[in-house]
Amino acid sequence: AEFIVSGAYERYLRKARKANSRRREVLLRAIEEHLGDRVAVTGQGSGAHIVLWPKGQISEAEAISRAAQLEVGVYGTSHYFYSRPSRTGLLLGYAHLREQDIREGIRRLGNIL
């Protein structure tokens, strides 16, 4: 309660929102630079995750495996669907990453997508 009453919680939230906003902008710029029109992006206006929808033919398992080989963590979206999805989706989180790591990770993804 003291954390909230003192205003420290609100200061923390402002700082976290600002940092996540910067990271999201870095992520979106890197996607544009390294992936361009090879992917569609959703979720860029909210939260701390986005979804990449590769336009080429790549299975979710293959994309996750190949990304992992390049030390890039991505997650599939198929388990969020009731039935088999019609396309591959990759969930990317960025809240805990440094901006340079975001840029490098997307550059590496560009090599497989």
PDB file of N, CA and C in Angstrom:
ATOM      1  N   ALA A   1       0.833  -1.191   0.000  1.00  0.00           N
ATOM      2  CA  ALA A   1       0.000   0.000   0.000  1.00  0.00           C
ATOM      3  C   ALA A   1       0.877   1.254   0.000  1.00  0.00           C
ATOM      4  N   GLU A   2       1.953   1.192   0.726  1.00  0.00           N
ATOM      5  CA  GLU A   2       2.861   2.348   0.789  1.00  0.00           C
ATOM      6  C   GLU A   2       3.475   2.638  -0.589  1.00  0.00           C
ATOM      7  N   PHE A   3       3.787   1.583  -1.319  1.00  0.00           N
ATOM      8  CA  PHE A   3       4.341   1.719  -2.669  1.00  0.00           C
ATOM      9  C   PHE A   3       3.384   2.503  -3.558  1.00  0.00           C
ATOM     10  N   ILE A   4       2.096   2.216  -3.451  1.00  0.00           N
ATOM     11  CA  ILE A   4       1.085   2.892  -4.257  1.00  0.00           C
ATOM     12  C   ILE A   4       0.855   4.313  -3.753  1.00  0.00           C
ATOM     13  N   VAL A   5       0.649   4.458  -2.455  1.00  0.00           N
ATOM     14  CA  VAL A   5       0.350   5.759  -1.861  1.00  0.00           C
ATOM     15  C   VAL A   5       1.492   6.751  -2.080  1.00  0.00           C
ATOM     16  N   SER A   6       2.715   6.276  -2.043  1.00  0.00           N
ATOM     17  CA  SER A   6       3.873   7.165  -2.191  1.00  0.00           C
ATOM     18  C   SER A   6       4.038   7.678  -3.623  1.00  0.00           C
ATOM     19  N   GLY A   7       3.358   7.045  -4.574  1.00  0.00           N
ATOM     20  CA  GLY A   7       3.496   7.429  -5.974  1.00  0.00           C
ATOM     21  C   GLY A   7       4.583   6.644  -6.695  1.00  0.00           C
ATOM     22  N   ALA A   8       5.306   5.794  -5.970  1.00  0.00           N
ATOM     23  CA  ALA A   8       6.390   5.015  -6.580  1.00  0.00           C
ATOM     24  C   ALA A   8       5.854   4.045  -7.627  1.00  0.00           C
ATOM     25  N   TYR A   9       4.682   3.480  -7.379  1.00  0.00           N
ATOM     26  CA  TYR A   9       4.112   2.533  -8.337  1.00  0.00           C
ATOM     27  C   TYR A   9       3.792   3.231  -9.649  1.00  0.00           C
ATOM     28  N   GLU A  10       3.216   4.403  -9.585  1.00  0.00           N
ATOM     29  CA  GLU A  10       2.882   5.159 -10.799  1.00  0.00           C
ATOM     30  C   GLU A  10       4.153   5.540 -11.549  1.00  0.00           C
ATOM     31  N   ARG A  11       5.199   5.932 -10.837  1.00  0.00           N
ATOM     32  CA  ARG A  11       6.471   6.247 -11.485  1.00  0.00           C
ATOM     33  C   ARG A  11       7.046   5.007 -12.172  1.00  0.00           C
ATOM     34  N   TYR A  12       6.961   3.875 -11.492  1.00  0.00           N
ATOM     35  CA  TYR A  12       7.433   2.623 -12.080  1.00  0.00           C
ATOM     36  C   TYR A  12       6.668   2.304 -13.360  1.00  0.00           C
ATOM     37  N   LEU A  13       5.344   2.434 -13.329  1.00  0.00           N
ATOM     38  CA  LEU A  13       4.528   2.147 -14.510  1.00  0.00           C
ATOM     39  C   LEU A  13       4.884   3.062 -15.677  1.00  0.00           C
ATOM     40  N   ARG A  14       5.075   4.348 -15.410  1.00  0.00           N
ATOM     41  CA  ARG A  14       5.447   5.276 -16.488  1.00  0.00           C
ATOM     42  C   ARG A  14       6.783   4.875 -17.105  1.00  0.00           C
ATOM     43  N   LYS A  15       7.735   4.530 -16.254  1.00  0.00           N
ATOM     44  CA  LYS A  15       9.064   4.128 -16.736  1.00  0.00           C
ATOM     45  C   LYS A  15       8.970   2.841 -17.565  1.00  0.00           C
ATOM     46  N   ALA A  16       8.196   1.867 -17.091  1.00  0.00           N
ATOM     47  CA  ALA A  16       8.047   0.597 -17.800  1.00  0.00           C
ATOM     48  C   ALA A  16       7.339   0.804 -19.137  1.00  0.00           C
ATOM     49  N   ARG A  17       6.302   1.629 -19.169  1.00  0.00           N
ATOM     50  CA  ARG A  17       5.589   1.906 -20.421  1.00  0.00           C
ATOM     51  C   ARG A  17       6.514   2.567 -21.440  1.00  0.00           C
ATOM     52  N   LYS A  18       7.300   3.519 -20.970  1.00  0.00           N
ATOM     53  CA  LYS A  18       8.226   4.226 -21.861  1.00  0.00           C
ATOM     54  C   LYS A  18       9.268   3.261 -22.422  1.00  0.00           C
ATOM     55  N   ALA A  19       9.833   2.414 -21.581  1.00  0.00           N
ATOM     56  CA  ALA A  19      10.837   1.444 -22.035  1.00  0.00           C
ATOM     57  C   ALA A  19      10.230   0.453 -23.017  1.00  0.00           C
ATOM     58  N   ASN A  20       9.034  -0.056 -22.732  1.00  0.00           N
ATOM     59  CA  ASN A  20       8.385  -1.002 -23.644  1.00  0.00           C
ATOM     60  C   ASN A  20       8.029  -0.344 -24.968  1.00  0.00           C
ATOM     61  N   SER A  21       7.649   0.912 -24.920  1.00  0.00           N
ATOM     62  CA  SER A  21       7.336   1.639 -26.147  1.00  0.00           C
ATOM     63  C   SER A  21       8.583   1.767 -27.018  1.00  0.00           C
ATOM     64  N   ARG A  22       9.710   2.087 -26.406  1.00  0.00           N
ATOM     65  CA  ARG A  22      10.974   2.167 -27.155  1.00  0.00           C
ATOM     66  C   ARG A  22      11.338   0.814 -27.752  1.00  0.00           C
ATOM     67  N   ARG A  23      11.217  -0.234 -26.956  1.00  0.00           N
ATOM     68  CA  ARG A  23      11.541  -1.575 -27.457  1.00  0.00           C
ATOM     69  C   ARG A  23      10.628  -1.974 -28.613  1.00  0.00           C
ATOM     70  N   ARG A  24       9.348  -1.653 -28.495  1.00  0.00           N
ATOM     71  CA  ARG A  24       8.402  -1.980 -29.558  1.00  0.00           C
ATOM     72  C   ARG A  24       8.770  -1.242 -30.847  1.00  0.00           C
ATOM     73  N   GLU A  25       9.154   0.018 -30.741  1.00  0.00           N
ATOM     74  CA  GLU A  25       9.556   0.777 -31.923  1.00  0.00           C
ATOM     75  C   GLU A  25      10.809   0.191 -32.557  1.00  0.00           C
ATOM     76  N   VAL A  26      11.776  -0.206 -31.734  1.00  0.00           N
ATOM     77  CA  VAL A  26      12.990  -0.849 -32.248  1.00  0.00           C
ATOM     78  C   VAL A  26      12.624  -2.145 -32.956  1.00  0.00           C
ATOM     79  N   LEU A  27      11.753  -2.925 -32.350  1.00  0.00           N
ATOM     80  CA  LEU A  27      11.319  -4.190 -32.939  1.00  0.00           C
ATOM     81  C   LEU A  27      10.647  -3.970 -34.287  1.00  0.00           C
ATOM     82  N   LEU A  28       9.729  -3.047 -34.347  1.00  0.00           N
ATOM     83  CA  LEU A  28       9.001  -2.808 -35.595  1.00  0.00           C
ATOM     84  C   LEU A  28       9.916  -2.276 -36.694  1.00  0.00           C
ATOM     85  N   ARG A  29      10.864  -1.412 -36.336  1.00  0.00           N
ATOM     86  CA  ARG A  29      11.826  -0.919 -37.330  1.00  0.00           C
ATOM     87  C   ARG A  29      12.701  -2.068 -37.839  1.00  0.00           C
ATOM     88  N   ALA A  30      13.142  -2.933 -36.918  1.00  0.00           N
ATOM     89  CA  ALA A  30      13.985  -4.074 -37.311  1.00  0.00           C
ATOM     90  C   ALA A  30      13.209  -5.028 -38.215  1.00  0.00           C
ATOM     91  N   ILE A  31      11.942  -5.257 -37.907  1.00  0.00           N
ATOM     92  CA  ILE A  31      11.111  -6.118 -38.755  1.00  0.00           C
ATOM     93  C   ILE A  31      11.009  -5.523 -40.157  1.00  0.00           C
ATOM     94  N   GLU A  32      10.768  -4.243 -40.232  1.00  0.00           N
ATOM     95  CA  GLU A  32      10.667  -3.580 -41.539  1.00  0.00           C
ATOM     96  C   GLU A  32      11.982  -3.699 -42.301  1.00  0.00           C
ATOM     97  N   GLU A  33      13.092  -3.506 -41.611  1.00  0.00           N
ATOM     98  CA  GLU A  33      14.404  -3.546 -42.259  1.00  0.00           C
ATOM     99  C   GLU A  33      14.801  -4.948 -42.697  1.00  0.00           C
ATOM    100  N   HIS A  34      14.600  -5.938 -41.834  1.00  0.00           N
ATOM    101  CA  HIS A  34      15.127  -7.279 -42.097  1.00  0.00           C
ATOM    102  C   HIS A  34      14.111  -8.272 -42.657  1.00  0.00           C
ATOM    103  N   LEU A  35      12.836  -8.015 -42.435  1.00  0.00           N
ATOM    104  CA  LEU A  35      11.813  -8.954 -42.904  1.00  0.00           C
ATOM    105  C   LEU A  35      10.907  -8.334 -43.961  1.00  0.00           C
ATOM    106  N   GLY A  36      10.779  -7.029 -43.929  1.00  0.00           N
ATOM    107  CA  GLY A  36      10.016  -6.305 -44.938  1.00  0.00           C
ATOM    108  C   GLY A  36       8.655  -6.895 -45.204  1.00  0.00           C
ATOM    109  N   ASP A  37       8.379  -7.136 -46.479  1.00  0.00           N
ATOM    110  CA  ASP A  37       7.058  -7.641 -46.862  1.00  0.00           C
ATOM    111  C   ASP A  37       6.972  -9.160 -46.814  1.00  0.00           C
ATOM    112  N   ARG A  38       7.968  -9.823 -46.227  1.00  0.00           N
ATOM    113  CA  ARG A  38       7.924 -11.286 -46.097  1.00  0.00           C
ATOM    114  C   ARG A  38       7.051 -11.728 -44.938  1.00  0.00           C
ATOM    115  N   VAL A  39       6.613 -10.778 -44.102  1.00  0.00           N
ATOM    116  CA  VAL A  39       5.747 -11.094 -42.965  1.00  0.00           C
ATOM    117  C   VAL A  39       4.670 -10.029 -42.832  1.00  0.00           C
ATOM    118  N   ALA A  40       3.570 -10.424 -42.230  1.00  0.00           N
ATOM    119  CA  ALA A  40       2.568  -9.471 -41.763  1.00  0.00           C
ATOM    120  C   ALA A  40       2.719  -9.426 -40.243  1.00  0.00           C
ATOM    121  N   VAL A  41       2.400  -8.293 -39.643  1.00  0.00           N
ATOM    122  CA  VAL A  41       2.565  -8.112 -38.205  1.00  0.00           C
ATOM    123  C   VAL A  41       1.225  -7.731 -37.605  1.00  0.00           C
ATOM    124  N   THR A  42       0.875  -8.359 -36.482  1.00  0.00           N
ATOM    125  CA  THR A  42      -0.298  -7.947 -35.720  1.00  0.00           C
ATOM    126  C   THR A  42       0.099  -7.784 -34.259  1.00  0.00           C
ATOM    127  N   GLY A  43      -0.693  -7.013 -33.539  1.00  0.00           N
ATOM    128  CA  GLY A  43      -0.457  -6.799 -32.120  1.00  0.00           C
ATOM    129  C   GLY A  43       0.520  -5.689 -31.815  1.00  0.00           C
ATOM    130  N   GLN A  44       0.908  -4.922 -32.830  1.00  0.00           N
ATOM    131  CA  GLN A  44       1.922  -3.913 -32.610  1.00  0.00           C
ATOM    132  C   GLN A  44       1.441  -2.710 -31.802  1.00  0.00           C
ATOM    133  N   GLY A  45       0.166  -2.632 -31.540  1.00  0.00           N
ATOM    134  CA  GLY A  45      -0.357  -1.489 -30.798  1.00  0.00           C
ATOM    135  C   GLY A  45      -0.635  -1.759 -29.340  1.00  0.00           C
ATOM    136  N   SER A  46      -0.303  -2.941 -28.865  1.00  0.00           N
ATOM    137  CA  SER A  46      -0.650  -3.224 -27.471  1.00  0.00           C
ATOM    138  C   SER A  46       0.270  -4.272 -26.878  1.00  0.00           C
ATOM    139  N   GLY A  47       0.287  -4.329 -25.583  1.00  0.00           N
ATOM    140  CA  GLY A  47       0.993  -5.380 -24.866  1.00  0.00           C
ATOM    141  C   GLY A  47       2.490  -5.383 -25.066  1.00  0.00           C
ATOM    142  N   ALA A  48       3.096  -6.502 -24.773  1.00  0.00           N
ATOM    143  CA  ALA A  48       4.545  -6.656 -24.866  1.00  0.00           C
ATOM    144  C   ALA A  48       4.907  -7.811 -25.793  1.00  0.00           C
ATOM    145  N   HIS A  49       3.991  -8.140 -26.711  1.00  0.00           N
ATOM    146  CA  HIS A  49       4.208  -9.194 -27.694  1.00  0.00           C
ATOM    147  C   HIS A  49       3.654  -8.730 -29.033  1.00  0.00           C
ATOM    148  N   ILE A  50       4.194  -9.298 -30.087  1.00  0.00           N
ATOM    149  CA  ILE A  50       3.604  -9.133 -31.421  1.00  0.00           C
ATOM    150  C   ILE A  50       3.546 -10.510 -32.058  1.00  0.00           C
ATOM    151  N   VAL A  51       2.789 -10.624 -33.124  1.00  0.00           N
ATOM    152  CA  VAL A  51       2.739 -11.867 -33.877  1.00  0.00           C
ATOM    153  C   VAL A  51       3.213 -11.592 -35.292  1.00  0.00           C
ATOM    154  N   LEU A  52       4.161 -12.420 -35.735  1.00  0.00           N
ATOM    155  CA  LEU A  52       4.607 -12.393 -37.128  1.00  0.00           C
ATOM    156  C   LEU A  52       3.874 -13.494 -37.868  1.00  0.00           C
ATOM    157  N   TRP A  53       3.374 -13.186 -39.044  1.00  0.00           N
ATOM    158  CA  TRP A  53       2.705 -14.145 -39.909  1.00  0.00           C
ATOM    159  C   TRP A  53       3.543 -14.263 -41.177  1.00  0.00           C
ATOM    160  N   PRO A  54       4.468 -15.231 -41.230  1.00  0.00           N
ATOM    161  CA  PRO A  54       5.298 -15.383 -42.425  1.00  0.00           C
ATOM    162  C   PRO A  54       4.443 -15.623 -43.662  1.00  0.00           C
ATOM    163  N   LYS A  55       4.796 -14.961 -44.743  1.00  0.00           N
ATOM    164  CA  LYS A  55       4.052 -15.121 -45.995  1.00  0.00           C
ATOM    165  C   LYS A  55       4.541 -16.317 -46.792  1.00  0.00           C
ATOM    166  N   GLY A  56       5.761 -16.769 -46.537  1.00  0.00           N
ATOM    167  CA  GLY A  56       6.288 -17.946 -47.220  1.00  0.00           C
ATOM    168  C   GLY A  56       5.817 -19.213 -46.535  1.00  0.00           C
ATOM    169  N   GLN A  57       6.116 -20.318 -47.147  1.00  0.00           N
ATOM    170  CA  GLN A  57       5.727 -21.614 -46.592  1.00  0.00           C
ATOM    171  C   GLN A  57       6.790 -22.081 -45.607  1.00  0.00           C
ATOM    172  N   ILE A  58       6.467 -22.057 -44.342  1.00  0.00           N
ATOM    173  CA  ILE A  58       7.333 -22.596 -43.304  1.00  0.00           C
ATOM    174  C   ILE A  58       6.428 -23.087 -42.185  1.00  0.00           C
ATOM    175  N   SER A  59       6.711 -24.266 -41.690  1.00  0.00           N
ATOM    176  CA  SER A  59       5.880 -24.796 -40.610  1.00  0.00           C
ATOM    177  C   SER A  59       6.273 -24.114 -39.303  1.00  0.00           C
ATOM    178  N   GLU A  60       5.350 -24.114 -38.392  1.00  0.00           N
ATOM    179  CA  GLU A  60       5.613 -23.528 -37.076  1.00  0.00           C
ATOM    180  C   GLU A  60       6.796 -24.227 -36.409  1.00  0.00           C
ATOM    181  N   ALA A  61       6.774 -25.554 -36.412  1.00  0.00           N
ATOM    182  CA  ALA A  61       7.851 -26.318 -35.767  1.00  0.00           C
ATOM    183  C   ALA A  61       9.196 -26.023 -36.416  1.00  0.00           C
ATOM    184  N   GLU A  62       9.222 -25.940 -37.737  1.00  0.00           N
ATOM    185  CA  GLU A  62      10.475 -25.647 -38.433  1.00  0.00           C
ATOM    186  C   GLU A  62      10.977 -24.249 -38.099  1.00  0.00           C
ATOM    187  N   ALA A  63      10.083 -23.278 -38.091  1.00  0.00           N
ATOM    188  CA  ALA A  63      10.476 -21.899 -37.782  1.00  0.00           C
ATOM    189  C   ALA A  63      11.038 -21.797 -36.365  1.00  0.00           C
ATOM    190  N   ILE A  64      10.359 -22.431 -35.412  1.00  0.00           N
ATOM    191  CA  ILE A  64      10.821 -22.397 -34.019  1.00  0.00           C
ATOM    192  C   ILE A  64      12.171 -23.090 -33.891  1.00  0.00           C
ATOM    193  N   SER A  65      12.315 -24.232 -34.524  1.00  0.00           N
ATOM    194  CA  SER A  65      13.564 -24.989 -34.461  1.00  0.00           C
ATOM    195  C   SER A  65      14.720 -24.225 -35.092  1.00  0.00           C
ATOM    196  N   ARG A  66      14.498 -23.692 -36.273  1.00  0.00           N
ATOM    197  CA  ARG A  66      15.565 -22.955 -36.958  1.00  0.00           C
ATOM    198  C   ARG A  66      15.933 -21.690 -36.196  1.00  0.00           C
ATOM    199  N   ALA A  67      14.939 -21.019 -35.621  1.00  0.00           N
ATOM    200  CA  ALA A  67      15.226 -19.825 -34.810  1.00  0.00           C
ATOM    201  C   ALA A  67      16.053 -20.213 -33.585  1.00  0.00           C
ATOM    202  N   ALA A  68      15.688 -21.301 -32.944  1.00  0.00           N
ATOM    203  CA  ALA A  68      16.422 -21.761 -31.761  1.00  0.00           C
ATOM    204  C   ALA A  68      17.874 -22.073 -32.109  1.00  0.00           C
ATOM    205  N   GLN A  69      18.106 -22.640 -33.279  1.00  0.00           N
ATOM    206  CA  GLN A  69      19.474 -22.924 -33.727  1.00  0.00           C
ATOM    207  C   GLN A  69      20.295 -21.636 -33.839  1.00  0.00           C
ATOM    208  N   LEU A  70      19.609 -20.528 -34.093  1.00  0.00           N
ATOM    209  CA  LEU A  70      20.267 -19.222 -34.185  1.00  0.00           C
ATOM    210  C   LEU A  70      20.202 -18.457 -32.862  1.00  0.00           C
ATOM    211  N   GLU A  71      19.788 -19.166 -31.802  1.00  0.00           N
ATOM    212  CA  GLU A  71      19.660 -18.596 -30.452  1.00  0.00           C
ATOM    213  C   GLU A  71      18.644 -17.461 -30.382  1.00  0.00           C
ATOM    214  N   VAL A  72      17.544 -17.653 -31.112  1.00  0.00           N
ATOM    215  CA  VAL A  72      16.434 -16.704 -31.100  1.00  0.00           C
ATOM    216  C   VAL A  72      15.206 -17.440 -30.592  1.00  0.00           C
ATOM    217  N   GLY A  73      14.576 -16.908 -29.564  1.00  0.00           N
ATOM    218  CA  GLY A  73      13.392 -17.536 -29.006  1.00  0.00           C
ATOM    219  C   GLY A  73      12.120 -16.966 -29.613  1.00  0.00           C
ATOM    220  N   VAL A  74      11.367 -17.814 -30.271  1.00  0.00           N
ATOM    221  CA  VAL A  74      10.045 -17.459 -30.772  1.00  0.00           C
ATOM    222  C   VAL A  74       9.090 -18.566 -30.354  1.00  0.00           C
ATOM    223  N   TYR A  75       7.840 -18.254 -30.330  1.00  0.00           N
ATOM    224  CA  TYR A  75       6.826 -19.214 -29.894  1.00  0.00           C
ATOM    225  C   TYR A  75       5.749 -19.303 -30.956  1.00  0.00           C
ATOM    226  N   GLY A  76       5.197 -20.476 -31.113  1.00  0.00           N
ATOM    227  CA  GLY A  76       4.128 -20.677 -32.079  1.00  0.00           C
ATOM    228  C   GLY A  76       2.792 -20.188 -31.547  1.00  0.00           C
ATOM    229  N   THR A  77       1.882 -19.962 -32.459  1.00  0.00           N
ATOM    230  CA  THR A  77       0.540 -19.519 -32.082  1.00  0.00           C
ATOM    231  C   THR A  77      -0.505 -20.620 -32.214  1.00  0.00           C
ATOM    232  N   SER A  78      -0.112 -21.783 -32.710  1.00  0.00           N
ATOM    233  CA  SER A  78      -1.102 -22.823 -33.013  1.00  0.00           C
ATOM    234  C   SER A  78      -1.893 -23.267 -31.785  1.00  0.00           C
ATOM    235  N   HIS A  79      -1.277 -23.251 -30.622  1.00  0.00           N
ATOM    236  CA  HIS A  79      -2.002 -23.704 -29.425  1.00  0.00           C
ATOM    237  C   HIS A  79      -3.044 -22.687 -28.950  1.00  0.00           C
ATOM    238  N   TYR A  80      -3.112 -21.531 -29.599  1.00  0.00           N
ATOM    239  CA  TYR A  80      -4.144 -20.541 -29.288  1.00  0.00           C
ATOM    240  C   TYR A  80      -5.391 -20.734 -30.147  1.00  0.00           C
ATOM    241  N   PHE A  81      -5.357 -21.689 -31.062  1.00  0.00           N
ATOM    242  CA  PHE A  81      -6.465 -21.951 -31.968  1.00  0.00           C
ATOM    243  C   PHE A  81      -7.194 -23.222 -31.546  1.00  0.00           C
ATOM    244  N   TYR A  82      -8.493 -23.221 -31.729  1.00  0.00           N
ATOM    245  CA  TYR A  82      -9.300 -24.391 -31.433  1.00  0.00           C
ATOM    246  C   TYR A  82      -9.024 -25.509 -32.430  1.00  0.00           C
ATOM    247  N   SER A  83      -8.928 -25.136 -33.707  1.00  0.00           N
ATOM    248  CA  SER A  83      -8.595 -26.105 -34.744  1.00  0.00           C
ATOM    249  C   SER A  83      -7.282 -25.654 -35.400  1.00  0.00           C
ATOM    250  N   ARG A  84      -6.795 -26.467 -36.308  1.00  0.00           N
ATOM    251  CA  ARG A  84      -5.519 -26.151 -36.947  1.00  0.00           C
ATOM    252  C   ARG A  84      -5.607 -24.798 -37.665  1.00  0.00           C
ATOM    253  N   PRO A  85      -4.655 -23.894 -37.376  1.00  0.00           N
ATOM    254  CA  PRO A  85      -4.691 -22.579 -38.030  1.00  0.00           C
ATOM    255  C   PRO A  85      -4.354 -22.693 -39.512  1.00  0.00           C
ATOM    256  N   SER A  86      -4.824 -21.744 -40.285  1.00  0.00           N
ATOM    257  CA  SER A  86      -4.603 -21.766 -41.723  1.00  0.00           C
ATOM    258  C   SER A  86      -3.217 -21.250 -42.119  1.00  0.00           C
ATOM    259  N   ARG A  87      -2.513 -20.646 -41.172  1.00  0.00           N
ATOM    260  CA  ARG A  87      -1.175 -20.145 -41.470  1.00  0.00           C
ATOM    261  C   ARG A  87      -0.296 -20.195 -40.232  1.00  0.00           C
ATOM    262  N   THR A  88       0.983 -20.109 -40.446  1.00  0.00           N
ATOM    263  CA  THR A  88       1.951 -20.133 -39.362  1.00  0.00           C
ATOM    264  C   THR A  88       2.022 -18.753 -38.715  1.00  0.00           C
ATOM    265  N   GLY A  89       1.980 -18.744 -37.404  1.00  0.00           N
ATOM    266  CA  GLY A  89       2.142 -17.507 -36.650  1.00  0.00           C
ATOM    267  C   GLY A  89       3.240 -17.677 -35.619  1.00  0.00           C
ATOM    268  N   LEU A  90       4.045 -16.647 -35.445  1.00  0.00           N
ATOM    269  CA  LEU A  90       5.134 -16.680 -34.476  1.00  0.00           C
ATOM    270  C   LEU A  90       4.968 -15.543 -33.486  1.00  0.00           C
ATOM    271  N   LEU A  91       4.914 -15.888 -32.226  1.00  0.00           N
ATOM    272  CA  LEU A  91       4.746 -14.922 -31.150  1.00  0.00           C
ATOM    273  C   LEU A  91       6.114 -14.469 -30.674  1.00  0.00           C
ATOM    274  N   LEU A  92       6.326 -13.167 -30.632  1.00  0.00           N
ATOM    275  CA  LEU A  92       7.585 -12.597 -30.174  1.00  0.00           C
ATOM    276  C   LEU A  92       7.321 -11.684 -28.989  1.00  0.00           C
ATOM    277  N   GLY A  93       8.006 -11.941 -27.896  1.00  0.00           N
ATOM    278  CA  GLY A  93       7.963 -11.067 -26.733  1.00  0.00           C
ATOM    279  C   GLY A  93       9.205 -10.198 -26.731  1.00  0.00           C
ATOM    280  N   TYR A  94       9.076  -8.978 -26.199  1.00  0.00           N
ATOM    281  CA  TYR A  94      10.224  -8.078 -26.233  1.00  0.00           C
ATOM    282  C   TYR A  94      10.446  -7.298 -24.944  1.00  0.00           C
ATOM    283  N   ALA A  95       9.587  -7.434 -23.967  1.00  0.00           N
ATOM    284  CA  ALA A  95       9.664  -6.595 -22.769  1.00  0.00           C
ATOM    285  C   ALA A  95      10.948  -6.778 -21.968  1.00  0.00           C
ATOM    286  N   HIS A  96      11.525  -7.951 -21.996  1.00  0.00           N
ATOM    287  CA  HIS A  96      12.714  -8.215 -21.185  1.00  0.00           C
ATOM    288  C   HIS A  96      14.021  -8.116 -21.975  1.00  0.00           C
ATOM    289  N   LEU A  97      13.947  -7.709 -23.230  1.00  0.00           N
ATOM    290  CA  LEU A  97      15.131  -7.699 -24.093  1.00  0.00           C
ATOM    291  C   LEU A  97      15.756  -6.314 -24.217  1.00  0.00           C
ATOM    292  N   ARG A  98      17.063  -6.309 -24.427  1.00  0.00           N
ATOM    293  CA  ARG A  98      17.761  -5.059 -24.723  1.00  0.00           C
ATOM    294  C   ARG A  98      17.524  -4.718 -26.193  1.00  0.00           C
ATOM    295  N   GLU A  99      17.541  -3.450 -26.508  1.00  0.00           N
ATOM    296  CA  GLU A  99      17.263  -3.007 -27.874  1.00  0.00           C
ATOM    297  C   GLU A  99      18.219  -3.630 -28.878  1.00  0.00           C
ATOM    298  N   GLN A 100      19.494  -3.726 -28.556  1.00  0.00           N
ATOM    299  CA  GLN A 100      20.453  -4.325 -29.494  1.00  0.00           C
ATOM    300  C   GLN A 100      20.166  -5.802 -29.712  1.00  0.00           C
ATOM    301  N   ASP A 101      19.673  -6.494 -28.668  1.00  0.00           N
ATOM    302  CA  ASP A 101      19.324  -7.908 -28.814  1.00  0.00           C
ATOM    303  C   ASP A 101      18.087  -8.083 -29.695  1.00  0.00           C
ATOM    304  N   ILE A 102      17.170  -7.150 -29.603  1.00  0.00           N
ATOM    305  CA  ILE A 102      15.983  -7.184 -30.462  1.00  0.00           C
ATOM    306  C   ILE A 102      16.404  -7.060 -31.920  1.00  0.00           C
ATOM    307  N   ARG A 103      17.235  -6.074 -32.211  1.00  0.00           N
ATOM    308  CA  ARG A 103      17.689  -5.870 -33.594  1.00  0.00           C
ATOM    309  C   ARG A 103      18.416  -7.102 -34.128  1.00  0.00           C
ATOM    310  N   GLU A 104      19.300  -7.657 -33.313  1.00  0.00           N
ATOM    311  CA  GLU A 104      20.068  -8.823 -33.746  1.00  0.00           C
ATOM    312  C   GLU A 104      19.166 -10.043 -33.942  1.00  0.00           C
ATOM    313  N   GLY A 105      18.225 -10.247 -33.041  1.00  0.00           N
ATOM    314  CA  GLY A 105      17.309 -11.376 -33.164  1.00  0.00           C
ATOM    315  C   GLY A 105      16.479 -11.303 -34.435  1.00  0.00           C
ATOM    316  N   ILE A 106      15.998 -10.132 -34.758  1.00  0.00           N
ATOM    317  CA  ILE A 106      15.201  -9.978 -35.983  1.00  0.00           C
ATOM    318  C   ILE A 106      16.085 -10.131 -37.213  1.00  0.00           C
ATOM    319  N   ARG A 107      17.319  -9.654 -37.150  1.00  0.00           N
ATOM    320  CA  ARG A 107      18.240  -9.856 -38.263  1.00  0.00           C
ATOM    321  C   ARG A 107      18.436 -11.355 -38.509  1.00  0.00           C
ATOM    322  N   ARG A 108      18.601 -12.111 -37.433  1.00  0.00           N
ATOM    323  CA  ARG A 108      18.764 -13.573 -37.562  1.00  0.00           C
ATOM    324  C   ARG A 108      17.507 -14.220 -38.107  1.00  0.00           C
ATOM    325  N   LEU A 109      16.342 -13.779 -37.651  1.00  0.00           N
ATOM    326  CA  LEU A 109      15.091 -14.328 -38.197  1.00  0.00           C
ATOM    327  C   LEU A 109      14.993 -14.077 -39.698  1.00  0.00           C
ATOM    328  N   GLY A 110      15.527 -12.947 -40.122  1.00  0.00           N
ATOM    329  CA  GLY A 110      15.519 -12.648 -41.547  1.00  0.00           C
ATOM    330  C   GLY A 110      16.233 -13.692 -42.382  1.00  0.00           C
ATOM    331  N   ASN A 111      17.151 -14.407 -41.772  1.00  0.00           N
ATOM    332  CA  ASN A 111      17.885 -15.451 -42.494  1.00  0.00           C
ATOM    333  C   ASN A 111      17.063 -16.720 -42.690  1.00  0.00           C
ATOM    334  N   ILE A 112      16.000 -16.898 -41.920  1.00  0.00           N
ATOM    335  CA  ILE A 112      15.217 -18.128 -42.040  1.00  0.00           C
ATOM    336  C   ILE A 112      13.816 -17.921 -42.593  1.00  0.00           C
ATOM    337  N   LEU A 113      13.310 -16.702 -42.549  1.00  0.00           N
ATOM    338  CA  LEU A 113      11.938 -16.470 -43.036  1.00  0.00           C
ATOM    339  C   LEU A 113      11.948 -15.917 -44.446  1.00  0.00           C
TER     340      LEU A 113
END
